[in-house]
Amino acid sequence: METTSDTASLSTKPSVYLAGFDVFRADAVAHGEHLKALCRERGMSGLYPLDGQVPSDLDPISKAQWICRANLQLIRGADVVMANLDDFRGVGEPDSGTAFEVGFAVALGKPVWGYTTEERTLVERVAVRHDNSVSFCDRGYIVEDFGLSMNLMIACTARIIVGGPGSCLDAIAKGTLRFGQG
């Protein structure tokens, strides 16, 4: 027999923290609304990092700290994290803040899904020089070659979807993920 709290938890929309460098777009707020609409269309509630109102009386460092705390709290409260893992300010590298959020969510035991438009492996995208069986980037560092599209720490802890946010949300909705079961 279901209790009232069981019924309430079954009717609650799963919440999705929308991680990504999208917050740096010129149309960041509008894009966030678009992402949240995509969530609603799939019966989910989107949590966008720019949803909070940063107090205007804070100095820059205090604002940064406020934003960090607010985003960490949103991740703590989310059922799942969905991350835009496309290249950000360099080939083969997602936004470092997004990578942090992915790691934080993994450490909390949250399911993490990521999307990228890139199908090629990291070594195919980044390597500029091959020496025997080792590949190097343009700065002379070895490029890991595990056949993955990004660094193994992200690729091995998140479910990666090739496509955009809608495709990723569809995969989340169809996945075996059971929200609210920690």
C-alpha atoms as a PDB file:
ATOM      1  CA  MET A   1       0.000   0.000   0.000  1.00  0.00           C
ATOM      2  CA  GLU A   2       1.329   3.422  -0.960  1.00  0.00           C
ATOM      3  CA  THR A   3       1.567   6.058   1.718  1.00  0.00           C
ATOM      4  CA  THR A   4       0.967   9.724   1.055  1.00  0.00           C
ATOM      5  CA  SER A   5       4.710  10.378   0.964  1.00  0.00           C
ATOM      6  CA  ASP A   6       5.178   7.524  -1.560  1.00  0.00           C
ATOM      7  CA  THR A   7       2.521   9.022  -3.815  1.00  0.00           C
ATOM      8  CA  ALA A   8       4.043  12.487  -3.506  1.00  0.00           C
ATOM      9  CA  SER A   9       7.511  11.239  -4.438  1.00  0.00           C
ATOM     10  CA  LEU A  10       6.121   9.395  -7.472  1.00  0.00           C
ATOM     11  CA  SER A  11       4.485  12.571  -8.790  1.00  0.00           C
ATOM     12  CA  THR A  12       7.553  14.758  -8.295  1.00  0.00           C
ATOM     13  CA  LYS A  13       9.363  15.668 -11.486  1.00  0.00           C
ATOM     14  CA  PRO A  14      12.964  14.490 -11.570  1.00  0.00           C
ATOM     15  CA  SER A  15      15.315  17.463 -11.394  1.00  0.00           C
ATOM     16  CA  VAL A  16      18.224  17.870 -13.791  1.00  0.00           C
ATOM     17  CA  TYR A  17      21.149  20.204 -13.091  1.00  0.00           C
ATOM     18  CA  LEU A  18      22.117  21.705 -16.467  1.00  0.00           C
ATOM     19  CA  ALA A  19      25.904  21.998 -16.340  1.00  0.00           C
ATOM     20  CA  GLY A  20      27.906  23.541 -19.126  1.00  0.00           C
ATOM     21  CA  PHE A  21      29.640  26.552 -20.530  1.00  0.00           C
ATOM     22  CA  ASP A  22      26.266  27.715 -21.855  1.00  0.00           C
ATOM     23  CA  VAL A  23      26.296  30.267 -19.017  1.00  0.00           C
ATOM     24  CA  PHE A  24      28.970  32.164 -20.982  1.00  0.00           C
ATOM     25  CA  ARG A  25      26.828  32.574 -24.109  1.00  0.00           C
ATOM     26  CA  ALA A  26      25.665  36.066 -25.037  1.00  0.00           C
ATOM     27  CA  ASP A  27      22.100  34.706 -24.810  1.00  0.00           C
ATOM     28  CA  ALA A  28      22.784  32.624 -21.672  1.00  0.00           C
ATOM     29  CA  VAL A  29      19.508  33.360 -19.882  1.00  0.00           C
ATOM     30  CA  ALA A  30      17.371  32.662 -22.955  1.00  0.00           C
ATOM     31  CA  HIS A  31      19.362  29.501 -23.666  1.00  0.00           C
ATOM     32  CA  GLY A  32      18.807  28.382 -20.079  1.00  0.00           C
ATOM     33  CA  GLU A  33      15.068  28.855 -20.542  1.00  0.00           C
ATOM     34  CA  HIS A  34      15.299  26.759 -23.719  1.00  0.00           C
ATOM     35  CA  LEU A  35      17.105  23.971 -21.847  1.00  0.00           C
ATOM     36  CA  LYS A  36      14.537  24.072 -19.045  1.00  0.00           C
ATOM     37  CA  ALA A  37      11.726  23.886 -21.633  1.00  0.00           C
ATOM     38  CA  LEU A  38      13.386  20.787 -23.116  1.00  0.00           C
ATOM     39  CA  CYS A  39      13.350  19.286 -19.620  1.00  0.00           C
ATOM     40  CA  ARG A  40       9.666  20.142 -19.078  1.00  0.00           C
ATOM     41  CA  GLU A  41       8.752  18.519 -22.404  1.00  0.00           C
ATOM     42  CA  ARG A  42      10.182  15.280 -21.004  1.00  0.00           C
ATOM     43  CA  GLY A  43       8.558  15.524 -17.579  1.00  0.00           C
ATOM     44  CA  MET A  44      11.662  16.823 -15.827  1.00  0.00           C
ATOM     45  CA  SER A  45      12.546  20.017 -14.017  1.00  0.00           C
ATOM     46  CA  GLY A  46      15.668  21.838 -15.214  1.00  0.00           C
ATOM     47  CA  LEU A  47      17.966  23.580 -12.743  1.00  0.00           C
ATOM     48  CA  TYR A  48      20.083  26.167 -14.538  1.00  0.00           C
ATOM     49  CA  PRO A  49      23.129  27.780 -12.889  1.00  0.00           C
ATOM     50  CA  LEU A  50      21.864  31.289 -13.711  1.00  0.00           C
ATOM     51  CA  ASP A  51      18.488  30.767 -12.031  1.00  0.00           C
ATOM     52  CA  GLY A  52      19.631  32.435  -8.794  1.00  0.00           C
ATOM     53  CA  GLN A  53      19.811  36.178  -8.319  1.00  0.00           C
ATOM     54  CA  VAL A  54      23.332  37.184  -7.318  1.00  0.00           C
ATOM     55  CA  PRO A  55      23.207  39.974  -4.714  1.00  0.00           C
ATOM     56  CA  SER A  56      24.300  43.187  -6.413  1.00  0.00           C
ATOM     57  CA  ASP A  57      26.111  44.597  -3.373  1.00  0.00           C
ATOM     58  CA  LEU A  58      28.877  41.969  -3.396  1.00  0.00           C
ATOM     59  CA  ASP A  59      32.439  42.572  -4.567  1.00  0.00           C
ATOM     60  CA  PRO A  60      33.657  40.356  -7.465  1.00  0.00           C
ATOM     61  CA  ILE A  61      35.271  37.682  -5.275  1.00  0.00           C
ATOM     62  CA  SER A  62      32.212  37.491  -3.018  1.00  0.00           C
ATOM     63  CA  LYS A  63      29.994  37.198  -6.111  1.00  0.00           C
ATOM     64  CA  ALA A  64      32.128  34.323  -7.397  1.00  0.00           C
ATOM     65  CA  GLN A  65      31.878  32.581  -4.016  1.00  0.00           C
ATOM     66  CA  TRP A  66      28.111  33.142  -3.919  1.00  0.00           C
ATOM     67  CA  ILE A  67      27.713  31.636  -7.414  1.00  0.00           C
ATOM     68  CA  CYS A  68      29.894  28.658  -6.498  1.00  0.00           C
ATOM     69  CA  ARG A  69      27.900  27.910  -3.334  1.00  0.00           C
ATOM     70  CA  ALA A  70      24.582  28.319  -5.171  1.00  0.00           C
ATOM     71  CA  ASN A  71      25.610  25.966  -7.981  1.00  0.00           C
ATOM     72  CA  LEU A  72      26.923  23.339  -5.546  1.00  0.00           C
ATOM     73  CA  GLN A  73      23.615  23.525  -3.692  1.00  0.00           C
ATOM     74  CA  LEU A  74      21.687  23.051  -6.952  1.00  0.00           C
ATOM     75  CA  ILE A  75      23.803  19.970  -7.743  1.00  0.00           C
ATOM     76  CA  ARG A  76      23.225  18.573  -4.238  1.00  0.00           C
ATOM     77  CA  GLY A  77      19.474  18.932  -4.734  1.00  0.00           C
ATOM     78  CA  ALA A  78      19.346  17.537  -8.274  1.00  0.00           C
ATOM     79  CA  ASP A  79      18.420  13.974  -9.145  1.00  0.00           C
ATOM     80  CA  VAL A  80      20.787  13.910 -12.113  1.00  0.00           C
ATOM     81  CA  VAL A  81      23.394  16.150 -13.735  1.00  0.00           C
ATOM     82  CA  MET A  82      23.427  16.716 -17.488  1.00  0.00           C
ATOM     83  CA  ALA A  83      26.604  18.344 -18.795  1.00  0.00           C
ATOM     84  CA  ASN A  84      27.490  20.031 -22.058  1.00  0.00           C
ATOM     85  CA  LEU A  85      30.891  18.430 -22.691  1.00  0.00           C
ATOM     86  CA  ASP A  86      31.632  19.968 -26.071  1.00  0.00           C
ATOM     87  CA  ASP A  87      35.024  21.603 -26.525  1.00  0.00           C
ATOM     88  CA  PHE A  88      35.137  24.952 -24.793  1.00  0.00           C
ATOM     89  CA  ARG A  89      38.309  27.002 -24.979  1.00  0.00           C
ATOM     90  CA  GLY A  90      40.474  24.352 -26.589  1.00  0.00           C
ATOM     91  CA  VAL A  91      40.209  21.242 -28.713  1.00  0.00           C
ATOM     92  CA  GLY A  92      39.422  18.147 -26.704  1.00  0.00           C
ATOM     93  CA  GLU A  93      38.691  19.968 -23.463  1.00  0.00           C
ATOM     94  CA  PRO A  94      35.292  20.719 -21.943  1.00  0.00           C
ATOM     95  CA  ASP A  95      34.860  23.730 -19.678  1.00  0.00           C
ATOM     96  CA  SER A  96      36.853  23.267 -16.464  1.00  0.00           C
ATOM     97  CA  GLY A  97      33.940  24.445 -14.315  1.00  0.00           C
ATOM     98  CA  THR A  98      31.692  21.873 -15.963  1.00  0.00           C
ATOM     99  CA  ALA A  99      34.332  19.179 -15.422  1.00  0.00           C
ATOM    100  CA  PHE A 100      34.409  20.159 -11.738  1.00  0.00           C
ATOM    101  CA  GLU A 101      30.613  19.941 -11.515  1.00  0.00           C
ATOM    102  CA  VAL A 102      30.700  16.481 -13.119  1.00  0.00           C
ATOM    103  CA  GLY A 103      33.289  15.333 -10.582  1.00  0.00           C
ATOM    104  CA  PHE A 104      31.348  16.847  -7.697  1.00  0.00           C
ATOM    105  CA  ALA A 105      28.156  15.095  -8.804  1.00  0.00           C
ATOM    106  CA  VAL A 106      29.991  11.776  -9.200  1.00  0.00           C
ATOM    107  CA  ALA A 107      31.448  12.182  -5.700  1.00  0.00           C
ATOM    108  CA  LEU A 108      27.898  12.704  -4.384  1.00  0.00           C
ATOM    109  CA  GLY A 109      26.756   9.525  -6.154  1.00  0.00           C
ATOM    110  CA  LYS A 110      24.561  11.438  -8.620  1.00  0.00           C
ATOM    111  CA  PRO A 111      23.988   9.980 -12.082  1.00  0.00           C
ATOM    112  CA  VAL A 112      25.811  12.095 -14.671  1.00  0.00           C
ATOM    113  CA  TRP A 113      24.961  12.267 -18.353  1.00  0.00           C
ATOM    114  CA  GLY A 114      26.936  14.332 -20.822  1.00  0.00           C
ATOM    115  CA  TYR A 115      26.510  15.316 -24.416  1.00  0.00           C
ATOM    116  CA  THR A 116      28.937  16.243 -27.130  1.00  0.00           C
ATOM    117  CA  THR A 117      28.677  16.771 -30.850  1.00  0.00           C
ATOM    118  CA  GLU A 118      32.075  15.134 -31.328  1.00  0.00           C
ATOM    119  CA  GLU A 119      32.261  11.450 -32.254  1.00  0.00           C
ATOM    120  CA  ARG A 120      35.992  11.192 -32.909  1.00  0.00           C
ATOM    121  CA  THR A 121      38.363   9.899 -30.262  1.00  0.00           C
ATOM    122  CA  LEU A 122      40.492  12.272 -28.243  1.00  0.00           C
ATOM    123  CA  VAL A 123      43.661  11.189 -30.018  1.00  0.00           C
ATOM    124  CA  GLU A 124      42.024  11.738 -33.429  1.00  0.00           C
ATOM    125  CA  ARG A 125      41.043  15.267 -32.434  1.00  0.00           C
ATOM    126  CA  VAL A 126      44.038  16.450 -30.436  1.00  0.00           C
ATOM    127  CA  ALA A 127      47.167  14.611 -31.551  1.00  0.00           C
ATOM    128  CA  VAL A 128      49.463  16.482 -33.895  1.00  0.00           C
ATOM    129  CA  ARG A 129      52.483  14.202 -33.760  1.00  0.00           C
ATOM    130  CA  HIS A 130      52.854  10.444 -33.515  1.00  0.00           C
ATOM    131  CA  ASP A 131      56.073   8.800 -32.327  1.00  0.00           C
ATOM    132  CA  ASN A 132      55.864   5.013 -32.505  1.00  0.00           C
ATOM    133  CA  SER A 133      52.703   4.163 -30.565  1.00  0.00           C
ATOM    134  CA  VAL A 134      52.531   7.455 -28.627  1.00  0.00           C
ATOM    135  CA  SER A 135      50.655  10.583 -29.710  1.00  0.00           C
ATOM    136  CA  PHE A 136      51.444  14.122 -28.613  1.00  0.00           C
ATOM    137  CA  CYS A 137      49.499  17.385 -28.573  1.00  0.00           C
ATOM    138  CA  ASP A 138      50.886  20.628 -29.992  1.00  0.00           C
ATOM    139  CA  ARG A 139      52.381  21.477 -26.572  1.00  0.00           C
ATOM    140  CA  GLY A 140      54.321  18.206 -26.425  1.00  0.00           C
ATOM    141  CA  TYR A 141      52.192  16.323 -23.900  1.00  0.00           C
ATOM    142  CA  ILE A 142      51.068  12.727 -24.449  1.00  0.00           C
ATOM    143  CA  VAL A 143      47.454  12.392 -25.577  1.00  0.00           C
ATOM    144  CA  GLU A 144      45.792   9.439 -23.883  1.00  0.00           C
ATOM    145  CA  ASP A 145      44.566   6.845 -26.348  1.00  0.00           C
ATOM    146  CA  PHE A 146      41.852   4.676 -24.850  1.00  0.00           C
ATOM    147  CA  GLY A 147      39.493   5.084 -27.793  1.00  0.00           C
ATOM    148  CA  LEU A 148      37.407   7.598 -25.837  1.00  0.00           C
ATOM    149  CA  SER A 149      36.130  10.966 -27.021  1.00  0.00           C
ATOM    150  CA  MET A 150      37.392  12.777 -23.917  1.00  0.00           C
ATOM    151  CA  ASN A 151      39.525  12.360 -20.826  1.00  0.00           C
ATOM    152  CA  LEU A 152      38.930   8.994 -19.169  1.00  0.00           C
ATOM    153  CA  MET A 153      37.901  10.514 -15.842  1.00  0.00           C
ATOM    154  CA  ILE A 154      34.825  12.011 -17.475  1.00  0.00           C
ATOM    155  CA  ALA A 155      34.228   9.312 -20.090  1.00  0.00           C
ATOM    156  CA  CYS A 156      34.296   6.547 -17.458  1.00  0.00           C
ATOM    157  CA  THR A 157      32.014   8.276 -14.938  1.00  0.00           C
ATOM    158  CA  ALA A 158      29.339   9.854 -17.140  1.00  0.00           C
ATOM    159  CA  ARG A 159      27.076   8.387 -19.753  1.00  0.00           C
ATOM    160  CA  ILE A 160      28.109  10.220 -22.910  1.00  0.00           C
ATOM    161  CA  ILE A 161      25.611  10.901 -25.703  1.00  0.00           C
ATOM    162  CA  VAL A 162      26.661  12.147 -29.128  1.00  0.00           C
ATOM    163  CA  GLY A 163      24.175  14.878 -29.961  1.00  0.00           C
ATOM    164  CA  GLY A 164      22.660  17.887 -28.276  1.00  0.00           C
ATOM    165  CA  PRO A 165      20.775  18.488 -25.050  1.00  0.00           C
ATOM    166  CA  GLY A 166      17.491  17.133 -26.408  1.00  0.00           C
ATOM    167  CA  SER A 167      19.118  13.843 -27.380  1.00  0.00           C
ATOM    168  CA  CYS A 168      20.729  13.584 -23.974  1.00  0.00           C
ATOM    169  CA  LEU A 169      17.458  14.291 -22.158  1.00  0.00           C
ATOM    170  CA  ASP A 170      15.743  11.658 -24.314  1.00  0.00           C
ATOM    171  CA  ALA A 171      18.410   9.155 -23.294  1.00  0.00           C
ATOM    172  CA  ILE A 172      18.015  10.105 -19.630  1.00  0.00           C
ATOM    173  CA  ALA A 173      14.243   9.657 -19.892  1.00  0.00           C
ATOM    174  CA  LYS A 174      14.638   6.255 -21.568  1.00  0.00           C
ATOM    175  CA  GLY A 175      17.495   5.091 -19.340  1.00  0.00           C
ATOM    176  CA  THR A 176      17.302   2.726 -16.466  1.00  0.00           C
ATOM    177  CA  LEU A 177      17.756   5.626 -14.093  1.00  0.00           C
ATOM    178  CA  ARG A 178      15.267   5.646 -11.239  1.00  0.00           C
ATOM    179  CA  PHE A 179      15.013   9.148  -9.826  1.00  0.00           C
ATOM    180  CA  GLY A 180      14.780   9.789  -6.112  1.00  0.00           C
ATOM    181  CA  GLN A 181      16.525   6.576  -5.107  1.00  0.00           C
ATOM    182  CA  GLY A 182      19.877   8.199  -4.356  1.00  0.00           C
END
